[in-house]
Amino acid sequence: MKLIRILLILFLTACINTINAQTVYTTKTGKKYHKETCKYLKYSKKEITLQKAIELGYSPCSVCKPMSKISDKKKANNISSAQVLTTNEATQKSVAKQCTGKTKSGSRCKRMTKNANGRCYQHQ
């Protein structure tokens, strides 16, 4: 009986540790985090912890749903709603703007970019 209790306690602590250190995946350019099996990770996949993804302002994917509720995320990571809102506000400030590059004809490029230098992939 005592052995069963010890095994049960060890199993529960292992489960709690995996919840806190859950690994999620992000793409190079996206603002969502995904499960490993999500279809949106076909071309690019970066491994990151769930807590780090939330701190960086990533939101859950609506297709694979890796912990989609904010309350679930707070419970798993002990993050307050004020911190979640602050990081979401920071990510919303990075808006796409028109490229500052010039085309061969001399007109301004029509592509949108989020790069810090203000140029699209073609004019870097």
PDB file of N, CA and C in Angstrom:
ATOM      1  N   MET A   1       0.821  -1.190   0.000  1.00  0.00           N
ATOM      2  CA  MET A   1       0.000   0.000   0.000  1.00  0.00           C
ATOM      3  C   MET A   1       0.869   1.259   0.000  1.00  0.00           C
ATOM      4  N   LYS A   2       1.924   1.244   0.807  1.00  0.00           N
ATOM      5  CA  LYS A   2       2.824   2.383   0.884  1.00  0.00           C
ATOM      6  C   LYS A   2       3.565   2.575  -0.450  1.00  0.00           C
ATOM      7  N   LEU A   3       3.922   1.488  -1.087  1.00  0.00           N
ATOM      8  CA  LEU A   3       4.605   1.540  -2.378  1.00  0.00           C
ATOM      9  C   LEU A   3       3.702   2.165  -3.451  1.00  0.00           C
ATOM     10  N   ILE A   4       2.441   1.841  -3.405  1.00  0.00           N
ATOM     11  CA  ILE A   4       1.490   2.402  -4.372  1.00  0.00           C
ATOM     12  C   ILE A   4       1.379   3.910  -4.180  1.00  0.00           C
ATOM     13  N   ARG A   5       1.333   4.383  -2.942  1.00  0.00           N
ATOM     14  CA  ARG A   5       1.266   5.823  -2.674  1.00  0.00           C
ATOM     15  C   ARG A   5       2.503   6.542  -3.201  1.00  0.00           C
ATOM     16  N   ILE A   6       3.652   5.960  -2.973  1.00  0.00           N
ATOM     17  CA  ILE A   6       4.901   6.578  -3.433  1.00  0.00           C
ATOM     18  C   ILE A   6       4.917   6.650  -4.958  1.00  0.00           C
ATOM     19  N   LEU A   7       4.518   5.567  -5.623  1.00  0.00           N
ATOM     20  CA  LEU A   7       4.472   5.571  -7.081  1.00  0.00           C
ATOM     21  C   LEU A   7       3.466   6.592  -7.607  1.00  0.00           C
ATOM     22  N   LEU A   8       2.339   6.712  -6.940  1.00  0.00           N
ATOM     23  CA  LEU A   8       1.326   7.679  -7.339  1.00  0.00           C
ATOM     24  C   LEU A   8       1.849   9.110  -7.187  1.00  0.00           C
ATOM     25  N   ILE A   9       2.526   9.401  -6.110  1.00  0.00           N
ATOM     26  CA  ILE A   9       3.096  10.737  -5.885  1.00  0.00           C
ATOM     27  C   ILE A   9       4.155  11.047  -6.938  1.00  0.00           C
ATOM     28  N   LEU A  10       5.015  10.098  -7.235  1.00  0.00           N
ATOM     29  CA  LEU A  10       6.037  10.302  -8.262  1.00  0.00           C
ATOM     30  C   LEU A  10       5.401  10.538  -9.634  1.00  0.00           C
ATOM     31  N   PHE A  11       4.358   9.806  -9.943  1.00  0.00           N
ATOM     32  CA  PHE A  11       3.667   9.965 -11.220  1.00  0.00           C
ATOM     33  C   PHE A  11       3.022  11.347 -11.321  1.00  0.00           C
ATOM     34  N   LEU A  12       2.384  11.786 -10.261  1.00  0.00           N
ATOM     35  CA  LEU A  12       1.738  13.100 -10.278  1.00  0.00           C
ATOM     36  C   LEU A  12       2.747  14.242 -10.393  1.00  0.00           C
ATOM     37  N   THR A  13       3.862  14.144  -9.708  1.00  0.00           N
ATOM     38  CA  THR A  13       4.879  15.200  -9.831  1.00  0.00           C
ATOM     39  C   THR A  13       5.485  15.221 -11.230  1.00  0.00           C
ATOM     40  N   ALA A  14       5.633  14.075 -11.844  1.00  0.00           N
ATOM     41  CA  ALA A  14       6.140  14.032 -13.224  1.00  0.00           C
ATOM     42  C   ALA A  14       5.144  14.684 -14.176  1.00  0.00           C
ATOM     43  N   CYS A  15       3.859  14.450 -13.959  1.00  0.00           N
ATOM     44  CA  CYS A  15       2.830  15.070 -14.811  1.00  0.00           C
ATOM     45  C   CYS A  15       2.810  16.577 -14.638  1.00  0.00           C
ATOM     46  N   ILE A  16       2.941  17.054 -13.421  1.00  0.00           N
ATOM     47  CA  ILE A  16       2.931  18.498 -13.165  1.00  0.00           C
ATOM     48  C   ILE A  16       4.132  19.161 -13.820  1.00  0.00           C
ATOM     49  N   ASN A  17       5.288  18.542 -13.757  1.00  0.00           N
ATOM     50  CA  ASN A  17       6.486  19.117 -14.373  1.00  0.00           C
ATOM     51  C   ASN A  17       6.361  19.178 -15.889  1.00  0.00           C
ATOM     52  N   THR A  18       5.717  18.206 -16.495  1.00  0.00           N
ATOM     53  CA  THR A  18       5.564  18.244 -17.949  1.00  0.00           C
ATOM     54  C   THR A  18       4.566  19.305 -18.376  1.00  0.00           C
ATOM     55  N   ILE A  19       3.580  19.599 -17.532  1.00  0.00           N
ATOM     56  CA  ILE A  19       2.638  20.669 -17.859  1.00  0.00           C
ATOM     57  C   ILE A  19       3.351  22.010 -17.831  1.00  0.00           C
ATOM     58  N   ASN A  20       4.167  22.256 -16.814  1.00  0.00           N
ATOM     59  CA  ASN A  20       4.872  23.527 -16.699  1.00  0.00           C
ATOM     60  C   ASN A  20       5.917  23.714 -17.785  1.00  0.00           C
ATOM     61  N   ALA A  21       6.527  22.647 -18.252  1.00  0.00           N
ATOM     62  CA  ALA A  21       7.581  22.746 -19.259  1.00  0.00           C
ATOM     63  C   ALA A  21       7.104  22.198 -20.598  1.00  0.00           C
ATOM     64  N   GLN A  22       5.852  22.436 -20.924  1.00  0.00           N
ATOM     65  CA  GLN A  22       5.305  21.926 -22.176  1.00  0.00           C
ATOM     66  C   GLN A  22       5.992  22.597 -23.358  1.00  0.00           C
ATOM     67  N   THR A  23       6.344  21.801 -24.323  1.00  0.00           N
ATOM     68  CA  THR A  23       6.994  22.317 -25.516  1.00  0.00           C
ATOM     69  C   THR A  23       5.946  22.589 -26.585  1.00  0.00           C
ATOM     70  N   VAL A  24       6.014  23.775 -27.153  1.00  0.00           N
ATOM     71  CA  VAL A  24       5.158  24.133 -28.276  1.00  0.00           C
ATOM     72  C   VAL A  24       6.062  24.565 -29.415  1.00  0.00           C
ATOM     73  N   TYR A  25       5.489  24.798 -30.570  1.00  0.00           N
ATOM     74  CA  TYR A  25       6.281  25.118 -31.752  1.00  0.00           C
ATOM     75  C   TYR A  25       5.747  26.384 -32.401  1.00  0.00           C
ATOM     76  N   THR A  26       6.650  27.190 -32.937  1.00  0.00           N
ATOM     77  CA  THR A  26       6.270  28.405 -33.650  1.00  0.00           C
ATOM     78  C   THR A  26       6.866  28.354 -35.051  1.00  0.00           C
ATOM     79  N   THR A  27       6.370  29.211 -35.912  1.00  0.00           N
ATOM     80  CA  THR A  27       6.921  29.326 -37.256  1.00  0.00           C
ATOM     81  C   THR A  27       7.841  30.537 -37.299  1.00  0.00           C
ATOM     82  N   LYS A  28       8.566  30.699 -38.397  1.00  0.00           N
ATOM     83  CA  LYS A  28       9.480  31.837 -38.534  1.00  0.00           C
ATOM     84  C   LYS A  28       8.748  33.170 -38.477  1.00  0.00           C
ATOM     85  N   THR A  29       7.609  33.257 -39.144  1.00  0.00           N
ATOM     86  CA  THR A  29       6.945  34.546 -39.297  1.00  0.00           C
ATOM     87  C   THR A  29       5.624  34.658 -38.552  1.00  0.00           C
ATOM     88  N   GLY A  30       5.068  33.560 -38.047  1.00  0.00           N
ATOM     89  CA  GLY A  30       3.745  33.588 -37.442  1.00  0.00           C
ATOM     90  C   GLY A  30       3.725  34.128 -36.027  1.00  0.00           C
ATOM     91  N   LYS A  31       2.548  34.404 -35.522  1.00  0.00           N
ATOM     92  CA  LYS A  31       2.347  34.887 -34.159  1.00  0.00           C
ATOM     93  C   LYS A  31       1.535  33.896 -33.333  1.00  0.00           C
ATOM     94  N   LYS A  32       1.510  32.636 -33.754  1.00  0.00           N
ATOM     95  CA  LYS A  32       0.774  31.588 -33.060  1.00  0.00           C
ATOM     96  C   LYS A  32       1.741  30.497 -32.627  1.00  0.00           C
ATOM     97  N   TYR A  33       1.379  29.760 -31.557  1.00  0.00           N
ATOM     98  CA  TYR A  33       2.143  28.577 -31.197  1.00  0.00           C
ATOM     99  C   TYR A  33       1.284  27.354 -31.430  1.00  0.00           C
ATOM    100  N   HIS A  34       1.941  26.221 -31.741  1.00  0.00           N
ATOM    101  CA  HIS A  34       1.254  25.029 -32.230  1.00  0.00           C
ATOM    102  C   HIS A  34       1.721  23.780 -31.507  1.00  0.00           C
ATOM    103  N   LYS A  35       0.913  22.708 -31.645  1.00  0.00           N
ATOM    104  CA  LYS A  35       1.351  21.370 -31.253  1.00  0.00           C
ATOM    105  C   LYS A  35       2.300  20.869 -32.329  1.00  0.00           C
ATOM    106  N   GLU A  36       3.055  19.837 -32.019  1.00  0.00           N
ATOM    107  CA  GLU A  36       4.039  19.316 -32.973  1.00  0.00           C
ATOM    108  C   GLU A  36       3.377  18.764 -34.235  1.00  0.00           C
ATOM    109  N   THR A  37       2.149  18.303 -34.135  1.00  0.00           N
ATOM    110  CA  THR A  37       1.476  17.666 -35.260  1.00  0.00           C
ATOM    111  C   THR A  37       0.638  18.625 -36.108  1.00  0.00           C
ATOM    112  N   CYS A  38       0.704  19.921 -35.844  1.00  0.00           N
ATOM    113  CA  CYS A  38      -0.119  20.889 -36.565  1.00  0.00           C
ATOM    114  C   CYS A  38       0.305  20.995 -38.028  1.00  0.00           C
ATOM    115  N   LYS A  39      -0.673  21.159 -38.914  1.00  0.00           N
ATOM    116  CA  LYS A  39      -0.382  21.223 -40.347  1.00  0.00           C
ATOM    117  C   LYS A  39       0.345  22.499 -40.743  1.00  0.00           C
ATOM    118  N   TYR A  40       0.282  23.546 -39.935  1.00  0.00           N
ATOM    119  CA  TYR A  40       0.936  24.806 -40.263  1.00  0.00           C
ATOM    120  C   TYR A  40       2.447  24.783 -40.013  1.00  0.00           C
ATOM    121  N   LEU A  41       2.950  23.702 -39.447  1.00  0.00           N
ATOM    122  CA  LEU A  41       4.386  23.581 -39.196  1.00  0.00           C
ATOM    123  C   LEU A  41       5.089  22.812 -40.301  1.00  0.00           C
ATOM    124  N   LYS A  42       4.485  22.739 -41.468  1.00  0.00           N
ATOM    125  CA  LYS A  42       5.032  21.952 -42.569  1.00  0.00           C
ATOM    126  C   LYS A  42       6.384  22.476 -43.044  1.00  0.00           C
ATOM    127  N   TYR A  43       6.548  23.801 -43.147  1.00  0.00           N
ATOM    128  CA  TYR A  43       7.761  24.362 -43.736  1.00  0.00           C
ATOM    129  C   TYR A  43       8.737  24.949 -42.718  1.00  0.00           C
ATOM    130  N   SER A  44       8.248  25.448 -41.615  1.00  0.00           N
ATOM    131  CA  SER A  44       9.178  25.967 -40.616  1.00  0.00           C
ATOM    132  C   SER A  44       8.675  25.619 -39.223  1.00  0.00           C
ATOM    133  N   LYS A  45       9.602  25.244 -38.345  1.00  0.00           N
ATOM    134  CA  LYS A  45       9.236  24.817 -37.003  1.00  0.00           C
ATOM    135  C   LYS A  45      10.356  25.185 -36.039  1.00  0.00           C
ATOM    136  N   LYS A  46      10.023  25.990 -35.010  1.00  0.00           N
ATOM    137  CA  LYS A  46      10.971  26.326 -33.953  1.00  0.00           C
ATOM    138  C   LYS A  46      10.413  25.838 -32.632  1.00  0.00           C
ATOM    139  N   GLU A  47      11.214  25.084 -31.874  1.00  0.00           N
ATOM    140  CA  GLU A  47      10.783  24.557 -30.587  1.00  0.00           C
ATOM    141  C   GLU A  47      10.958  25.622 -29.513  1.00  0.00           C
ATOM    142  N   ILE A  48       9.946  25.766 -28.641  1.00  0.00           N
ATOM    143  CA  ILE A  48       9.971  26.779 -27.583  1.00  0.00           C
ATOM    144  C   ILE A  48       9.068  26.288 -26.453  1.00  0.00           C
ATOM    145  N   THR A  49       9.346  26.710 -25.221  1.00  0.00           N
ATOM    146  CA  THR A  49       8.478  26.320 -24.121  1.00  0.00           C
ATOM    147  C   THR A  49       7.202  27.152 -24.157  1.00  0.00           C
ATOM    148  N   LEU A  50       6.148  26.612 -23.583  1.00  0.00           N
ATOM    149  CA  LEU A  50       4.860  27.299 -23.580  1.00  0.00           C
ATOM    150  C   LEU A  50       4.963  28.636 -22.843  1.00  0.00           C
ATOM    151  N   GLN A  51       5.656  28.640 -21.729  1.00  0.00           N
ATOM    152  CA  GLN A  51       5.799  29.875 -20.955  1.00  0.00           C
ATOM    153  C   GLN A  51       6.524  30.955 -21.761  1.00  0.00           C
ATOM    154  N   LYS A  52       7.584  30.597 -22.455  1.00  0.00           N
ATOM    155  CA  LYS A  52       8.331  31.557 -23.265  1.00  0.00           C
ATOM    156  C   LYS A  52       7.474  32.076 -24.423  1.00  0.00           C
ATOM    157  N   ALA A  53       6.683  31.188 -25.027  1.00  0.00           N
ATOM    158  CA  ALA A  53       5.811  31.595 -26.130  1.00  0.00           C
ATOM    159  C   ALA A  53       4.788  32.629 -25.666  1.00  0.00           C
ATOM    160  N   ILE A  54       4.233  32.422 -24.486  1.00  0.00           N
ATOM    161  CA  ILE A  54       3.260  33.374 -23.950  1.00  0.00           C
ATOM    162  C   ILE A  54       3.930  34.692 -23.600  1.00  0.00           C
ATOM    163  N   GLU A  55       5.126  34.629 -23.015  1.00  0.00           N
ATOM    164  CA  GLU A  55       5.860  35.849 -22.676  1.00  0.00           C
ATOM    165  C   GLU A  55       6.193  36.668 -23.925  1.00  0.00           C
ATOM    166  N   LEU A  56       6.448  35.999 -25.043  1.00  0.00           N
ATOM    167  CA  LEU A  56       6.771  36.689 -26.290  1.00  0.00           C
ATOM    168  C   LEU A  56       5.536  37.170 -27.037  1.00  0.00           C
ATOM    169  N   GLY A  57       4.351  36.884 -26.510  1.00  0.00           N
ATOM    170  CA  GLY A  57       3.126  37.388 -27.111  1.00  0.00           C
ATOM    171  C   GLY A  57       2.480  36.482 -28.131  1.00  0.00           C
ATOM    172  N   TYR A  58       2.928  35.237 -28.237  1.00  0.00           N
ATOM    173  CA  TYR A  58       2.302  34.299 -29.159  1.00  0.00           C
ATOM    174  C   TYR A  58       0.941  33.883 -28.609  1.00  0.00           C
ATOM    175  N   SER A  59      -0.005  33.618 -29.488  1.00  0.00           N
ATOM    176  CA  SER A  59      -1.318  33.141 -29.088  1.00  0.00           C
ATOM    177  C   SER A  59      -1.498  31.716 -29.615  1.00  0.00           C
ATOM    178  N   PRO A  60      -2.458  30.947 -29.061  1.00  0.00           N
ATOM    179  CA  PRO A  60      -2.609  29.556 -29.485  1.00  0.00           C
ATOM    180  C   PRO A  60      -3.218  29.437 -30.875  1.00  0.00           C
ATOM    181  N   CYS A  61      -2.824  28.410 -31.583  1.00  0.00           N
ATOM    182  CA  CYS A  61      -3.361  28.115 -32.922  1.00  0.00           C
ATOM    183  C   CYS A  61      -4.819  27.677 -32.792  1.00  0.00           C
ATOM    184  N   SER A  62      -5.668  28.159 -33.679  1.00  0.00           N
ATOM    185  CA  SER A  62      -7.083  27.797 -33.618  1.00  0.00           C
ATOM    186  C   SER A  62      -7.357  26.441 -34.279  1.00  0.00           C
ATOM    187  N   VAL A  63      -6.376  25.874 -34.956  1.00  0.00           N
ATOM    188  CA  VAL A  63      -6.556  24.579 -35.611  1.00  0.00           C
ATOM    189  C   VAL A  63      -6.169  23.433 -34.672  1.00  0.00           C
ATOM    190  N   CYS A  64      -4.966  23.474 -34.112  1.00  0.00           N
ATOM    191  CA  CYS A  64      -4.508  22.371 -33.261  1.00  0.00           C
ATOM    192  C   CYS A  64      -4.825  22.587 -31.783  1.00  0.00           C
ATOM    193  N   LYS A  65      -5.179  23.803 -31.385  1.00  0.00           N
ATOM    194  CA  LYS A  65      -5.614  24.166 -30.032  1.00  0.00           C
ATOM    195  C   LYS A  65      -4.695  23.675 -28.911  1.00  0.00           C
ATOM    196  N   PRO A  66      -3.466  24.179 -28.814  1.00  0.00           N
ATOM    197  CA  PRO A  66      -2.590  23.808 -27.695  1.00  0.00           C
ATOM    198  C   PRO A  66      -2.848  24.701 -26.490  1.00  0.00           C
ATOM    199  N   MET A  67      -3.717  24.321 -25.601  1.00  0.00           N
ATOM    200  CA  MET A  67      -4.121  25.109 -24.424  1.00  0.00           C
ATOM    201  C   MET A  67      -4.678  26.457 -24.879  1.00  0.00           C
ATOM    202  N   SER A  68      -5.899  26.487 -25.324  1.00  0.00           N
ATOM    203  CA  SER A  68      -6.444  27.680 -25.957  1.00  0.00           C
ATOM    204  C   SER A  68      -7.006  28.709 -24.988  1.00  0.00           C
ATOM    205  N   LYS A  69      -7.261  28.373 -23.733  1.00  0.00           N
ATOM    206  CA  LYS A  69      -7.835  29.344 -22.808  1.00  0.00           C
ATOM    207  C   LYS A  69      -6.742  30.090 -22.076  1.00  0.00           C
ATOM    208  N   ILE A  70      -6.941  31.393 -21.857  1.00  0.00           N
ATOM    209  CA  ILE A  70      -5.967  32.191 -21.112  1.00  0.00           C
ATOM    210  C   ILE A  70      -5.882  31.696 -19.683  1.00  0.00           C
ATOM    211  N   SER A  71      -7.006  31.261 -19.096  1.00  0.00           N
ATOM    212  CA  SER A  71      -6.978  30.772 -17.719  1.00  0.00           C
ATOM    213  C   SER A  71      -6.130  29.511 -17.615  1.00  0.00           C
ATOM    214  N   ASP A  72      -6.187  28.625 -18.634  1.00  0.00           N
ATOM    215  CA  ASP A  72      -5.345  27.429 -18.638  1.00  0.00           C
ATOM    216  C   ASP A  72      -3.879  27.817 -18.704  1.00  0.00           C
ATOM    217  N   LYS A  73      -3.552  28.820 -19.525  1.00  0.00           N
ATOM    218  CA  LYS A  73      -2.166  29.258 -19.658  1.00  0.00           C
ATOM    219  C   LYS A  73      -1.673  29.849 -18.345  1.00  0.00           C
ATOM    220  N   LYS A  74      -2.514  30.626 -17.670  1.00  0.00           N
ATOM    221  CA  LYS A  74      -2.096  31.227 -16.410  1.00  0.00           C
ATOM    222  C   LYS A  74      -1.861  30.160 -15.359  1.00  0.00           C
ATOM    223  N   LYS A  75      -2.743  29.156 -15.308  1.00  0.00           N
ATOM    224  CA  LYS A  75      -2.580  28.089 -14.331  1.00  0.00           C
ATOM    225  C   LYS A  75      -1.283  27.329 -14.578  1.00  0.00           C
ATOM    226  N   ALA A  76      -0.989  27.055 -15.828  1.00  0.00           N
ATOM    227  CA  ALA A  76       0.199  26.274 -16.161  1.00  0.00           C
ATOM    228  C   ALA A  76       1.478  27.061 -15.939  1.00  0.00           C
ATOM    229  N   ASN A  77       1.429  28.380 -16.064  1.00  0.00           N
ATOM    230  CA  ASN A  77       2.657  29.170 -16.036  1.00  0.00           C
ATOM    231  C   ASN A  77       2.719  30.230 -14.966  1.00  0.00           C
ATOM    232  N   ASN A  78       1.660  30.370 -14.151  1.00  0.00           N
ATOM    233  CA  ASN A  78       1.604  31.395 -13.104  1.00  0.00           C
ATOM    234  C   ASN A  78       1.853  32.784 -13.666  1.00  0.00           C
ATOM    235  N   ILE A  79       1.222  33.110 -14.782  1.00  0.00           N
ATOM    236  CA  ILE A  79       1.364  34.411 -15.416  1.00  0.00           C
ATOM    237  C   ILE A  79       0.074  35.183 -15.188  1.00  0.00           C
ATOM    238  N   SER A  80       0.171  36.415 -14.757  1.00  0.00           N
ATOM    239  CA  SER A  80      -1.020  37.214 -14.519  1.00  0.00           C
ATOM    240  C   SER A  80      -1.604  37.703 -15.829  1.00  0.00           C
ATOM    241  N   SER A  81      -2.885  38.056 -15.799  1.00  0.00           N
ATOM    242  CA  SER A  81      -3.547  38.526 -17.016  1.00  0.00           C
ATOM    243  C   SER A  81      -2.965  39.861 -17.463  1.00  0.00           C
ATOM    244  N   ALA A  82      -2.444  40.659 -16.545  1.00  0.00           N
ATOM    245  CA  ALA A  82      -1.832  41.939 -16.921  1.00  0.00           C
ATOM    246  C   ALA A  82      -0.590  41.703 -17.771  1.00  0.00           C
ATOM    247  N   GLN A  83       0.210  40.684 -17.432  1.00  0.00           N
ATOM    248  CA  GLN A  83       1.401  40.378 -18.220  1.00  0.00           C
ATOM    249  C   GLN A  83       1.015  39.878 -19.601  1.00  0.00           C
ATOM    250  N   VAL A  84      -0.037  39.060 -19.700  1.00  0.00           N
ATOM    251  CA  VAL A  84      -0.487  38.548 -20.985  1.00  0.00           C
ATOM    252  C   VAL A  84      -0.958  39.699 -21.860  1.00  0.00           C
ATOM    253  N   LEU A  85      -1.727  40.630 -21.290  1.00  0.00           N
ATOM    254  CA  LEU A  85      -2.206  41.780 -22.050  1.00  0.00           C
ATOM    255  C   LEU A  85      -1.063  42.672 -22.501  1.00  0.00           C
ATOM    256  N   THR A  86      -0.068  42.858 -21.642  1.00  0.00           N
ATOM    257  CA  THR A  86       1.070  43.698 -21.999  1.00  0.00           C
ATOM    258  C   THR A  86       1.833  43.126 -23.184  1.00  0.00           C
ATOM    259  N   THR A  87       2.061  41.823 -23.178  1.00  0.00           N
ATOM    260  CA  THR A  87       2.791  41.229 -24.296  1.00  0.00           C
ATOM    261  C   THR A  87       1.957  41.244 -25.564  1.00  0.00           C
ATOM    262  N   ASN A  88       0.631  41.084 -25.455  1.00  0.00           N
ATOM    263  CA  ASN A  88      -0.218  41.151 -26.638  1.00  0.00           C
ATOM    264  C   ASN A  88      -0.218  42.556 -27.224  1.00  0.00           C
ATOM    265  N   GLU A  89      -0.206  43.582 -26.370  1.00  0.00           N
ATOM    266  CA  GLU A  89      -0.153  44.954 -26.856  1.00  0.00           C
ATOM    267  C   GLU A  89       1.164  45.216 -27.576  1.00  0.00           C
ATOM    268  N   ALA A  90       2.245  44.644 -27.077  1.00  0.00           N
ATOM    269  CA  ALA A  90       3.552  44.858 -27.695  1.00  0.00           C
ATOM    270  C   ALA A  90       3.611  44.240 -29.087  1.00  0.00           C
ATOM    271  N   THR A  91       2.969  43.093 -29.266  1.00  0.00           N
ATOM    272  CA  THR A  91       3.005  42.458 -30.579  1.00  0.00           C
ATOM    273  C   THR A  91       2.100  43.166 -31.576  1.00  0.00           C
ATOM    274  N   GLN A  92       1.047  43.802 -31.080  1.00  0.00           N
ATOM    275  CA  GLN A  92       0.142  44.500 -31.980  1.00  0.00           C
ATOM    276  C   GLN A  92       0.771  45.761 -32.533  1.00  0.00           C
ATOM    277  N   LYS A  93       1.786  46.304 -31.879  1.00  0.00           N
ATOM    278  CA  LYS A  93       2.435  47.522 -32.349  1.00  0.00           C
ATOM    279  C   LYS A  93       3.290  47.284 -33.584  1.00  0.00           C
ATOM    280  N   SER A  94       3.741  46.052 -33.806  1.00  0.00           N
ATOM    281  CA  SER A  94       4.550  45.769 -34.983  1.00  0.00           C
ATOM    282  C   SER A  94       3.622  45.509 -36.166  1.00  0.00           C
ATOM    283  N   VAL A  95       3.288  46.577 -36.859  1.00  0.00           N
ATOM    284  CA  VAL A  95       2.343  46.507 -37.966  1.00  0.00           C
ATOM    285  C   VAL A  95       3.112  46.528 -39.276  1.00  0.00           C
ATOM    286  N   ALA A  96       2.553  45.869 -40.273  1.00  0.00           N
ATOM    287  CA  ALA A  96       3.179  45.864 -41.593  1.00  0.00           C
ATOM    288  C   ALA A  96       3.032  47.238 -42.233  1.00  0.00           C
ATOM    289  N   LYS A  97       4.085  47.663 -42.928  1.00  0.00           N
ATOM    290  CA  LYS A  97       4.037  48.935 -43.642  1.00  0.00           C
ATOM    291  C   LYS A  97       4.591  48.721 -45.045  1.00  0.00           C
ATOM    292  N   GLN A  98       4.368  49.679 -45.885  1.00  0.00           N
ATOM    293  CA  GLN A  98       4.790  49.544 -47.278  1.00  0.00           C
ATOM    294  C   GLN A  98       6.309  49.623 -47.381  1.00  0.00           C
ATOM    295  N   CYS A  99       6.859  48.793 -48.258  1.00  0.00           N
ATOM    296  CA  CYS A  99       8.299  48.739 -48.485  1.00  0.00           C
ATOM    297  C   CYS A  99       8.794  50.096 -48.992  1.00  0.00           C
ATOM    298  N   THR A 100       9.990  50.480 -48.563  1.00  0.00           N
ATOM    299  CA  THR A 100      10.563  51.761 -48.993  1.00  0.00           C
ATOM    300  C   THR A 100      11.446  51.625 -50.227  1.00  0.00           C
ATOM    301  N   GLY A 101      11.560  50.412 -50.750  1.00  0.00           N
ATOM    302  CA  GLY A 101      12.401  50.173 -51.928  1.00  0.00           C
ATOM    303  C   GLY A 101      11.795  50.728 -53.208  1.00  0.00           C
ATOM    304  N   LYS A 102      12.622  50.885 -54.209  1.00  0.00           N
ATOM    305  CA  LYS A 102      12.195  51.393 -55.521  1.00  0.00           C
ATOM    306  C   LYS A 102      12.272  50.270 -56.549  1.00  0.00           C
ATOM    307  N   THR A 103      11.335  50.240 -57.472  1.00  0.00           N
ATOM    308  CA  THR A 103      11.337  49.247 -58.544  1.00  0.00           C
ATOM    309  C   THR A 103      12.229  49.723 -59.689  1.00  0.00           C
ATOM    310  N   LYS A 104      12.394  48.890 -60.721  1.00  0.00           N
ATOM    311  CA  LYS A 104      13.222  49.283 -61.871  1.00  0.00           C
ATOM    312  C   LYS A 104      12.669  50.515 -62.572  1.00  0.00           C
ATOM    313  N   SER A 105      11.349  50.657 -62.582  1.00  0.00           N
ATOM    314  CA  SER A 105      10.748  51.810 -63.255  1.00  0.00           C
ATOM    315  C   SER A 105      10.835  53.086 -62.417  1.00  0.00           C
ATOM    316  N   GLY A 106      11.302  52.966 -61.177  1.00  0.00           N
ATOM    317  CA  GLY A 106      11.476  54.142 -60.329  1.00  0.00           C
ATOM    318  C   GLY A 106      10.328  54.397 -59.368  1.00  0.00           C
ATOM    319  N   SER A 107       9.268  53.608 -59.440  1.00  0.00           N
ATOM    320  CA  SER A 107       8.149  53.798 -58.511  1.00  0.00           C
ATOM    321  C   SER A 107       8.401  53.020 -57.221  1.00  0.00           C
ATOM    322  N   ARG A 108       7.637  53.335 -56.194  1.00  0.00           N
ATOM    323  CA  ARG A 108       7.814  52.692 -54.894  1.00  0.00           C
ATOM    324  C   ARG A 108       7.241  51.279 -54.919  1.00  0.00           C
ATOM    325  N   CYS A 109       7.920  50.364 -54.235  1.00  0.00           N
ATOM    326  CA  CYS A 109       7.486  48.972 -54.152  1.00  0.00           C
ATOM    327  C   CYS A 109       6.140  48.895 -53.442  1.00  0.00           C
ATOM    328  N   LYS A 110       5.257  48.004 -53.880  1.00  0.00           N
ATOM    329  CA  LYS A 110       3.911  47.881 -53.316  1.00  0.00           C
ATOM    330  C   LYS A 110       3.821  46.830 -52.206  1.00  0.00           C
ATOM    331  N   ARG A 111       4.870  46.062 -51.972  1.00  0.00           N
ATOM    332  CA  ARG A 111       4.820  45.005 -50.966  1.00  0.00           C
ATOM    333  C   ARG A 111       4.786  45.591 -49.555  1.00  0.00           C
ATOM    334  N   MET A 112       4.185  44.823 -48.628  1.00  0.00           N
ATOM    335  CA  MET A 112       4.135  45.203 -47.222  1.00  0.00           C
ATOM    336  C   MET A 112       5.229  44.435 -46.480  1.00  0.00           C
ATOM    337  N   THR A 113       5.796  45.055 -45.428  1.00  0.00           N
ATOM    338  CA  THR A 113       6.862  44.415 -44.669  1.00  0.00           C
ATOM    339  C   THR A 113       6.767  44.781 -43.197  1.00  0.00           C
ATOM    340  N   LYS A 114       7.305  43.887 -42.338  1.00  0.00           N
ATOM    341  CA  LYS A 114       7.412  44.156 -40.908  1.00  0.00           C
ATOM    342  C   LYS A 114       8.878  44.278 -40.495  1.00  0.00           C
ATOM    343  N   ASN A 115       9.787  44.235 -41.462  1.00  0.00           N
ATOM    344  CA  ASN A 115      11.206  44.343 -41.168  1.00  0.00           C
ATOM    345  C   ASN A 115      11.525  45.699 -40.559  1.00  0.00           C
ATOM    346  N   ALA A 116      12.510  45.730 -39.674  1.00  0.00           N
ATOM    347  CA  ALA A 116      12.899  46.970 -39.015  1.00  0.00           C
ATOM    348  C   ALA A 116      13.492  47.976 -40.005  1.00  0.00           C
ATOM    349  N   ASN A 117      14.132  47.484 -41.078  1.00  0.00           N
ATOM    350  CA  ASN A 117      14.749  48.406 -42.042  1.00  0.00           C
ATOM    351  C   ASN A 117      13.726  48.975 -43.032  1.00  0.00           C
ATOM    352  N   GLY A 118      12.452  48.503 -42.990  1.00  0.00           N
ATOM    353  CA  GLY A 118      11.413  49.049 -43.843  1.00  0.00           C
ATOM    354  C   GLY A 118      11.406  48.540 -45.268  1.00  0.00           C
ATOM    355  N   ARG A 119      12.160  47.479 -45.547  1.00  0.00           N
ATOM    356  CA  ARG A 119      12.219  46.929 -46.902  1.00  0.00           C
ATOM    357  C   ARG A 119      11.731  45.498 -46.930  1.00  0.00           C
ATOM    358  N   CYS A 120      11.127  45.092 -48.051  1.00  0.00           N
ATOM    359  CA  CYS A 120      10.619  43.736 -48.196  1.00  0.00           C
ATOM    360  C   CYS A 120      11.768  42.767 -48.485  1.00  0.00           C
ATOM    361  N   TYR A 121      11.416  41.516 -48.661  1.00  0.00           N
ATOM    362  CA  TYR A 121      12.449  40.488 -48.880  1.00  0.00           C
ATOM    363  C   TYR A 121      13.243  40.731 -50.162  1.00  0.00           C
ATOM    364  N   GLN A 122      12.644  41.355 -51.139  1.00  0.00           N
ATOM    365  CA  GLN A 122      13.314  41.552 -52.429  1.00  0.00           C
ATOM    366  C   GLN A 122      14.272  42.748 -52.410  1.00  0.00           C
ATOM    367  N   HIS A 123      14.017  43.728 -51.582  1.00  0.00           N
ATOM    368  CA  HIS A 123      14.813  44.941 -51.581  1.00  0.00           C
ATOM    369  C   HIS A 123      15.799  45.049 -50.415  1.00  0.00           C
ATOM    370  N   GLN A 124      16.005  43.992 -49.684  1.00  0.00           N
ATOM    371  CA  GLN A 124      16.944  44.039 -48.560  1.00  0.00           C
ATOM    372  C   GLN A 124      18.303  44.135 -49.095  1.00  0.00           C
TER     373      GLN A 124
END
